[in-house]
Amino acid sequence: HSGAWKRQTAMLKARANGLDEYELCFG
């Protein structure tokens, strides 16, 4: 629930364009 984790999650979501990265590698 920390600000650091929320920023980290936001960066991660941006990297993934909001998509499930695992499923994306299977198309």
PDB file of all heavy atoms in Angstrom:
ATOM      1  N   HIS A   1       0.817  -1.213   0.000  1.00  0.00           N
ATOM      2  CA  HIS A   1       0.000   0.000   0.000  1.00  0.00           C
ATOM      3  C   HIS A   1       0.856   1.270   0.000  1.00  0.00           C
ATOM      4  O   HIS A   1       0.337   2.369   0.119  1.00  0.00           O
ATOM      5  CB  HIS A   1      -0.957   0.001   1.201  1.00  0.00           C
ATOM      6  CG  HIS A   1      -2.075  -0.975   1.041  1.00  0.00           C
ATOM      7  ND1 HIS A   1      -1.971  -2.287   1.429  1.00  0.00           N
ATOM      8  CD2 HIS A   1      -3.293  -0.851   0.494  1.00  0.00           C
ATOM      9  CE1 HIS A   1      -3.091  -2.913   1.145  1.00  0.00           C
ATOM     10  NE2 HIS A   1      -3.911  -2.071   0.571  1.00  0.00           N
ATOM     11  N   SER A   2       2.155   1.107  -0.168  1.00  0.00           N
ATOM     12  CA  SER A   2       3.065   2.264  -0.149  1.00  0.00           C
ATOM     13  C   SER A   2       3.063   3.000  -1.491  1.00  0.00           C
ATOM     14  O   SER A   2       2.714   2.439  -2.527  1.00  0.00           O
ATOM     15  CB  SER A   2       4.489   1.804   0.173  1.00  0.00           C
ATOM     16  OG  SER A   2       5.042   1.100  -0.929  1.00  0.00           O
ATOM     17  N   GLY A   3       3.493   4.246  -1.438  1.00  0.00           N
ATOM     18  CA  GLY A   3       3.620   5.037  -2.662  1.00  0.00           C
ATOM     19  C   GLY A   3       4.638   4.440  -3.616  1.00  0.00           C
ATOM     20  O   GLY A   3       4.434   4.445  -4.835  1.00  0.00           O
ATOM     21  N   ALA A   4       5.725   3.896  -3.071  1.00  0.00           N
ATOM     22  CA  ALA A   4       6.763   3.285  -3.904  1.00  0.00           C
ATOM     23  C   ALA A   4       6.188   2.117  -4.707  1.00  0.00           C
ATOM     24  O   ALA A   4       6.461   1.972  -5.900  1.00  0.00           O
ATOM     25  CB  ALA A   4       7.931   2.811  -3.037  1.00  0.00           C
ATOM     26  N   TRP A   5       5.381   1.268  -4.051  1.00  0.00           N
ATOM     27  CA  TRP A   5       4.799   0.121  -4.751  1.00  0.00           C
ATOM     28  C   TRP A   5       3.793   0.583  -5.807  1.00  0.00           C
ATOM     29  O   TRP A   5       3.743   0.039  -6.911  1.00  0.00           O
ATOM     30  CB  TRP A   5       4.132  -0.843  -3.765  1.00  0.00           C
ATOM     31  CG  TRP A   5       3.451  -1.977  -4.464  1.00  0.00           C
ATOM     32  CD1 TRP A   5       2.115  -2.202  -4.549  1.00  0.00           C
ATOM     33  CD2 TRP A   5       4.080  -3.035  -5.201  1.00  0.00           C
ATOM     34  NE1 TRP A   5       1.875  -3.332  -5.291  1.00  0.00           N
ATOM     35  CE2 TRP A   5       3.062  -3.860  -5.700  1.00  0.00           C
ATOM     36  CE3 TRP A   5       5.402  -3.358  -5.488  1.00  0.00           C
ATOM     37  CZ2 TRP A   5       3.326  -4.990  -6.474  1.00  0.00           C
ATOM     38  CZ3 TRP A   5       5.659  -4.490  -6.251  1.00  0.00           C
ATOM     39  CH2 TRP A   5       4.629  -5.290  -6.730  1.00  0.00           C
ATOM     40  N   LYS A   6       3.020   1.607  -5.491  1.00  0.00           N
ATOM     41  CA  LYS A   6       2.041   2.115  -6.447  1.00  0.00           C
ATOM     42  C   LYS A   6       2.733   2.687  -7.686  1.00  0.00           C
ATOM     43  O   LYS A   6       2.286   2.474  -8.813  1.00  0.00           O
ATOM     44  CB  LYS A   6       1.124   3.140  -5.790  1.00  0.00           C
ATOM     45  CG  LYS A   6       0.169   2.492  -4.802  1.00  0.00           C
ATOM     46  CD  LYS A   6      -0.666   3.504  -4.075  1.00  0.00           C
ATOM     47  CE  LYS A   6      -1.533   2.776  -3.044  1.00  0.00           C
ATOM     48  NZ  LYS A   6      -2.305   3.651  -2.219  1.00  0.00           N
ATOM     49  N   ARG A   7       3.853   3.388  -7.485  1.00  0.00           N
ATOM     50  CA  ARG A   7       4.615   3.920  -8.627  1.00  0.00           C
ATOM     51  C   ARG A   7       5.209   2.768  -9.448  1.00  0.00           C
ATOM     52  O   ARG A   7       5.186   2.795 -10.677  1.00  0.00           O
ATOM     53  CB  ARG A   7       5.725   4.855  -8.146  1.00  0.00           C
ATOM     54  CG  ARG A   7       5.225   6.218  -7.696  1.00  0.00           C
ATOM     55  CD  ARG A   7       6.359   7.188  -7.387  1.00  0.00           C
ATOM     56  NE  ARG A   7       7.193   6.752  -6.264  1.00  0.00           N
ATOM     57  CZ  ARG A   7       6.883   6.939  -4.990  1.00  0.00           C
ATOM     58  NH1 ARG A   7       5.766   7.546  -4.659  1.00  0.00           N
ATOM     59  NH2 ARG A   7       7.709   6.525  -4.033  1.00  0.00           N
ATOM     60  N   GLN A   8       5.730   1.769  -8.758  1.00  0.00           N
ATOM     61  CA  GLN A   8       6.317   0.598  -9.422  1.00  0.00           C
ATOM     62  C   GLN A   8       5.257  -0.119 -10.265  1.00  0.00           C
ATOM     63  O   GLN A   8       5.509  -0.495 -11.404  1.00  0.00           O
ATOM     64  CB  GLN A   8       6.893  -0.357  -8.363  1.00  0.00           C
ATOM     65  CG  GLN A   8       7.652  -1.510  -8.913  1.00  0.00           C
ATOM     66  CD  GLN A   8       9.071  -1.140  -9.291  1.00  0.00           C
ATOM     67  OE1 GLN A   8       9.426   0.027  -9.372  1.00  0.00           O
ATOM     68  NE2 GLN A   8       9.867  -2.129  -9.544  1.00  0.00           N
ATOM     69  N   THR A   9       4.080  -0.295  -9.706  1.00  0.00           N
ATOM     70  CA  THR A   9       2.990  -0.959 -10.422  1.00  0.00           C
ATOM     71  C   THR A   9       2.553  -0.134 -11.631  1.00  0.00           C
ATOM     72  O   THR A   9       2.268  -0.693 -12.691  1.00  0.00           O
ATOM     73  CB  THR A   9       1.803  -1.211  -9.470  1.00  0.00           C
ATOM     74  OG1 THR A   9       2.268  -1.988  -8.364  1.00  0.00           O
ATOM     75  CG2 THR A   9       0.686  -1.960 -10.150  1.00  0.00           C
ATOM     76  N   ALA A  10       2.517   1.182 -11.485  1.00  0.00           N
ATOM     77  CA  ALA A  10       2.145   2.056 -12.606  1.00  0.00           C
ATOM     78  C   ALA A  10       3.163   1.939 -13.743  1.00  0.00           C
ATOM     79  O   ALA A  10       2.788   1.876 -14.922  1.00  0.00           O
ATOM     80  CB  ALA A  10       2.025   3.500 -12.139  1.00  0.00           C
ATOM     81  N   MET A  11       4.458   1.889 -13.404  1.00  0.00           N
ATOM     82  CA  MET A  11       5.498   1.713 -14.429  1.00  0.00           C
ATOM     83  C   MET A  11       5.349   0.359 -15.108  1.00  0.00           C
ATOM     84  O   MET A  11       5.496   0.235 -16.327  1.00  0.00           O
ATOM     85  CB  MET A  11       6.901   1.822 -13.807  1.00  0.00           C
ATOM     86  CG  MET A  11       7.300   3.222 -13.461  1.00  0.00           C
ATOM     87  SD  MET A  11       8.930   3.433 -12.676  1.00  0.00           S
ATOM     88  CE  MET A  11       9.777   1.915 -12.876  1.00  0.00           C
ATOM     89  N   LEU A  12       5.063  -0.656 -14.333  1.00  0.00           N
ATOM     90  CA  LEU A  12       4.888  -2.006 -14.862  1.00  0.00           C
ATOM     91  C   LEU A  12       3.693  -2.066 -15.807  1.00  0.00           C
ATOM     92  O   LEU A  12       3.779  -2.636 -16.895  1.00  0.00           O
ATOM     93  CB  LEU A  12       4.698  -2.973 -13.688  1.00  0.00           C
ATOM     94  CG  LEU A  12       4.620  -4.447 -13.997  1.00  0.00           C
ATOM     95  CD1 LEU A  12       5.919  -4.936 -14.623  1.00  0.00           C
ATOM     96  CD2 LEU A  12       4.336  -5.217 -12.720  1.00  0.00           C
ATOM     97  N   LYS A  13       2.594  -1.451 -15.401  1.00  0.00           N
ATOM     98  CA  LYS A  13       1.389  -1.422 -16.242  1.00  0.00           C
ATOM     99  C   LYS A  13       1.668  -0.694 -17.557  1.00  0.00           C
ATOM    100  O   LYS A  13       1.222  -1.134 -18.625  1.00  0.00           O
ATOM    101  CB  LYS A  13       0.245  -0.743 -15.479  1.00  0.00           C
ATOM    102  CG  LYS A  13      -1.064  -0.758 -16.210  1.00  0.00           C
ATOM    103  CD  LYS A  13      -2.167  -0.138 -15.364  1.00  0.00           C
ATOM    104  CE  LYS A  13      -3.493  -0.169 -16.089  1.00  0.00           C
ATOM    105  NZ  LYS A  13      -4.563   0.424 -15.271  1.00  0.00           N
ATOM    106  N   ALA A  14       2.426   0.397 -17.487  1.00  0.00           N
ATOM    107  CA  ALA A  14       2.788   1.140 -18.701  1.00  0.00           C
ATOM    108  C   ALA A  14       3.652   0.275 -19.616  1.00  0.00           C
ATOM    109  O   ALA A  14       3.459   0.262 -20.835  1.00  0.00           O
ATOM    110  CB  ALA A  14       3.508   2.430 -18.332  1.00  0.00           C
ATOM    111  N   ARG A  15       4.622  -0.442 -19.034  1.00  0.00           N
ATOM    112  CA  ARG A  15       5.474  -1.335 -19.836  1.00  0.00           C
ATOM    113  C   ARG A  15       4.630  -2.357 -20.575  1.00  0.00           C
ATOM    114  O   ARG A  15       4.897  -2.692 -21.726  1.00  0.00           O
ATOM    115  CB  ARG A  15       6.480  -2.044 -18.931  1.00  0.00           C
ATOM    116  CG  ARG A  15       7.358  -3.063 -19.663  1.00  0.00           C
ATOM    117  CD  ARG A  15       8.275  -3.844 -18.762  1.00  0.00           C
ATOM    118  NE  ARG A  15       7.579  -4.980 -18.154  1.00  0.00           N
ATOM    119  CZ  ARG A  15       8.111  -5.757 -17.224  1.00  0.00           C
ATOM    120  NH1 ARG A  15       9.326  -5.516 -16.759  1.00  0.00           N
ATOM    121  NH2 ARG A  15       7.433  -6.772 -16.733  1.00  0.00           N
ATOM    122  N   ALA A  16       3.579  -2.845 -19.924  1.00  0.00           N
ATOM    123  CA  ALA A  16       2.741  -3.902 -20.484  1.00  0.00           C
ATOM    124  C   ALA A  16       1.569  -3.355 -21.304  1.00  0.00           C
ATOM    125  O   ALA A  16       0.783  -4.131 -21.832  1.00  0.00           O
ATOM    126  CB  ALA A  16       2.206  -4.767 -19.350  1.00  0.00           C
ATOM    127  N   ASN A  17       1.452  -2.043 -21.403  1.00  0.00           N
ATOM    128  CA  ASN A  17       0.306  -1.418 -22.063  1.00  0.00           C
ATOM    129  C   ASN A  17      -1.014  -1.909 -21.476  1.00  0.00           C
ATOM    130  O   ASN A  17      -2.008  -2.054 -22.195  1.00  0.00           O
ATOM    131  CB  ASN A  17       0.346  -1.667 -23.580  1.00  0.00           C
ATOM    132  CG  ASN A  17       1.497  -0.968 -24.231  1.00  0.00           C
ATOM    133  OD1 ASN A  17       1.766   0.197 -23.955  1.00  0.00           O
ATOM    134  ND2 ASN A  17       2.213  -1.678 -25.085  1.00  0.00           N
ATOM    135  N   GLY A  18      -1.008  -2.241 -20.184  1.00  0.00           N
ATOM    136  CA  GLY A  18      -2.215  -2.683 -19.501  1.00  0.00           C
ATOM    137  C   GLY A  18      -2.607  -4.120 -19.770  1.00  0.00           C
ATOM    138  O   GLY A  18      -3.636  -4.574 -19.298  1.00  0.00           O
ATOM    139  N   LEU A  19      -1.782  -4.835 -20.533  1.00  0.00           N
ATOM    140  CA  LEU A  19      -2.119  -6.213 -20.903  1.00  0.00           C
ATOM    141  C   LEU A  19      -1.392  -7.230 -20.034  1.00  0.00           C
ATOM    142  O   LEU A  19      -0.356  -6.944 -19.445  1.00  0.00           O
ATOM    143  CB  LEU A  19      -1.755  -6.457 -22.372  1.00  0.00           C
ATOM    144  CG  LEU A  19      -2.483  -5.581 -23.386  1.00  0.00           C
ATOM    145  CD1 LEU A  19      -1.917  -5.809 -24.779  1.00  0.00           C
ATOM    146  CD2 LEU A  19      -3.982  -5.859 -23.357  1.00  0.00           C
ATOM    147  N   ASP A  20      -1.934  -8.434 -19.983  1.00  0.00           N
ATOM    148  CA  ASP A  20      -1.321  -9.554 -19.288  1.00  0.00           C
ATOM    149  C   ASP A  20      -0.096  -9.976 -20.102  1.00  0.00           C
ATOM    150  O   ASP A  20      -0.216 -10.480 -21.215  1.00  0.00           O
ATOM    151  CB  ASP A  20      -2.340 -10.695 -19.195  1.00  0.00           C
ATOM    152  CG  ASP A  20      -1.831 -11.917 -18.476  1.00  0.00           C
ATOM    153  OD1 ASP A  20      -0.676 -12.324 -18.717  1.00  0.00           O
ATOM    154  OD2 ASP A  20      -2.606 -12.500 -17.695  1.00  0.00           O
ATOM    155  N   GLU A  21       1.091  -9.746 -19.549  1.00  0.00           N
ATOM    156  CA  GLU A  21       2.329 -10.023 -20.287  1.00  0.00           C
ATOM    157  C   GLU A  21       2.549 -11.508 -20.549  1.00  0.00           C
ATOM    158  O   GLU A  21       3.127 -11.881 -21.574  1.00  0.00           O
ATOM    159  CB  GLU A  21       3.530  -9.449 -19.528  1.00  0.00           C
ATOM    160  CG  GLU A  21       3.534  -7.938 -19.483  1.00  0.00           C
ATOM    161  CD  GLU A  21       4.699  -7.373 -18.710  1.00  0.00           C
ATOM    162  OE1 GLU A  21       4.724  -7.545 -17.463  1.00  0.00           O
ATOM    163  OE2 GLU A  21       5.585  -6.759 -19.351  1.00  0.00           O
ATOM    164  N   TYR A  22       2.114 -12.353 -19.646  1.00  0.00           N
ATOM    165  CA  TYR A  22       2.275 -13.796 -19.824  1.00  0.00           C
ATOM    166  C   TYR A  22       1.410 -14.287 -20.980  1.00  0.00           C
ATOM    167  O   TYR A  22       1.878 -14.999 -21.867  1.00  0.00           O
ATOM    168  CB  TYR A  22       1.918 -14.533 -18.530  1.00  0.00           C
ATOM    169  CG  TYR A  22       2.122 -16.021 -18.601  1.00  0.00           C
ATOM    170  CD1 TYR A  22       3.406 -16.561 -18.540  1.00  0.00           C
ATOM    171  CD2 TYR A  22       1.050 -16.887 -18.717  1.00  0.00           C
ATOM    172  CE1 TYR A  22       3.613 -17.924 -18.603  1.00  0.00           C
ATOM    173  CE2 TYR A  22       1.244 -18.253 -18.776  1.00  0.00           C
ATOM    174  CZ  TYR A  22       2.522 -18.771 -18.722  1.00  0.00           C
ATOM    175  OH  TYR A  22       2.721 -20.133 -18.791  1.00  0.00           O
ATOM    176  N   GLU A  23       0.145 -13.913 -20.981  1.00  0.00           N
ATOM    177  CA  GLU A  23      -0.778 -14.333 -22.045  1.00  0.00           C
ATOM    178  C   GLU A  23      -0.363 -13.746 -23.397  1.00  0.00           C
ATOM    179  O   GLU A  23      -0.506 -14.396 -24.428  1.00  0.00           O
ATOM    180  CB  GLU A  23      -2.217 -13.931 -21.706  1.00  0.00           C
ATOM    181  CG  GLU A  23      -2.810 -14.694 -20.553  1.00  0.00           C
ATOM    182  CD  GLU A  23      -2.986 -16.181 -20.830  1.00  0.00           C
ATOM    183  OE1 GLU A  23      -3.193 -16.565 -21.993  1.00  0.00           O
ATOM    184  OE2 GLU A  23      -2.922 -16.959 -19.863  1.00  0.00           O
ATOM    185  N   LEU A  24       0.165 -12.540 -23.378  1.00  0.00           N
ATOM    186  CA  LEU A  24       0.585 -11.874 -24.610  1.00  0.00           C
ATOM    187  C   LEU A  24       1.670 -12.661 -25.334  1.00  0.00           C
ATOM    188  O   LEU A  24       1.676 -12.726 -26.562  1.00  0.00           O
ATOM    189  CB  LEU A  24       1.073 -10.454 -24.291  1.00  0.00           C
ATOM    190  CG  LEU A  24       1.306  -9.530 -25.487  1.00  0.00           C
ATOM    191  CD1 LEU A  24       0.026  -9.357 -26.287  1.00  0.00           C
ATOM    192  CD2 LEU A  24       1.812  -8.186 -25.006  1.00  0.00           C
ATOM    193  N   CYS A  25       2.558 -13.307 -24.584  1.00  0.00           N
ATOM    194  CA  CYS A  25       3.624 -14.063 -25.249  1.00  0.00           C
ATOM    195  C   CYS A  25       3.078 -15.300 -25.964  1.00  0.00           C
ATOM    196  O   CYS A  25       3.767 -15.910 -26.775  1.00  0.00           O
ATOM    197  CB  CYS A  25       4.767 -14.398 -24.291  1.00  0.00           C
ATOM    198  SG  CYS A  25       4.424 -15.691 -23.136  1.00  0.00           S
ATOM    199  N   PHE A  26       1.812 -15.669 -25.715  1.00  0.00           N
ATOM    200  CA  PHE A  26       1.149 -16.767 -26.435  1.00  0.00           C
ATOM    201  C   PHE A  26       0.183 -16.227 -27.489  1.00  0.00           C
ATOM    202  O   PHE A  26      -0.608 -16.966 -28.062  1.00  0.00           O
ATOM    203  CB  PHE A  26       0.380 -17.670 -25.456  1.00  0.00           C
ATOM    204  CG  PHE A  26       1.272 -18.370 -24.475  1.00  0.00           C
ATOM    205  CD1 PHE A  26       1.351 -17.945 -23.165  1.00  0.00           C
ATOM    206  CD2 PHE A  26       2.061 -19.447 -24.868  1.00  0.00           C
ATOM    207  CE1 PHE A  26       2.177 -18.570 -22.261  1.00  0.00           C
ATOM    208  CE2 PHE A  26       2.892 -20.086 -23.965  1.00  0.00           C
ATOM    209  CZ  PHE A  26       2.957 -19.644 -22.660  1.00  0.00           C
ATOM    210  N   GLY A  27       0.236 -14.906 -27.701  1.00  0.00           N
ATOM    211  CA  GLY A  27      -0.609 -14.277 -28.706  1.00  0.00           C
ATOM    212  C   GLY A  27      -2.030 -14.007 -28.247  1.00  0.00           C
ATOM    213  O   GLY A  27      -2.899 -13.704 -29.058  1.00  0.00           O
TER     214      GLY A  27
END
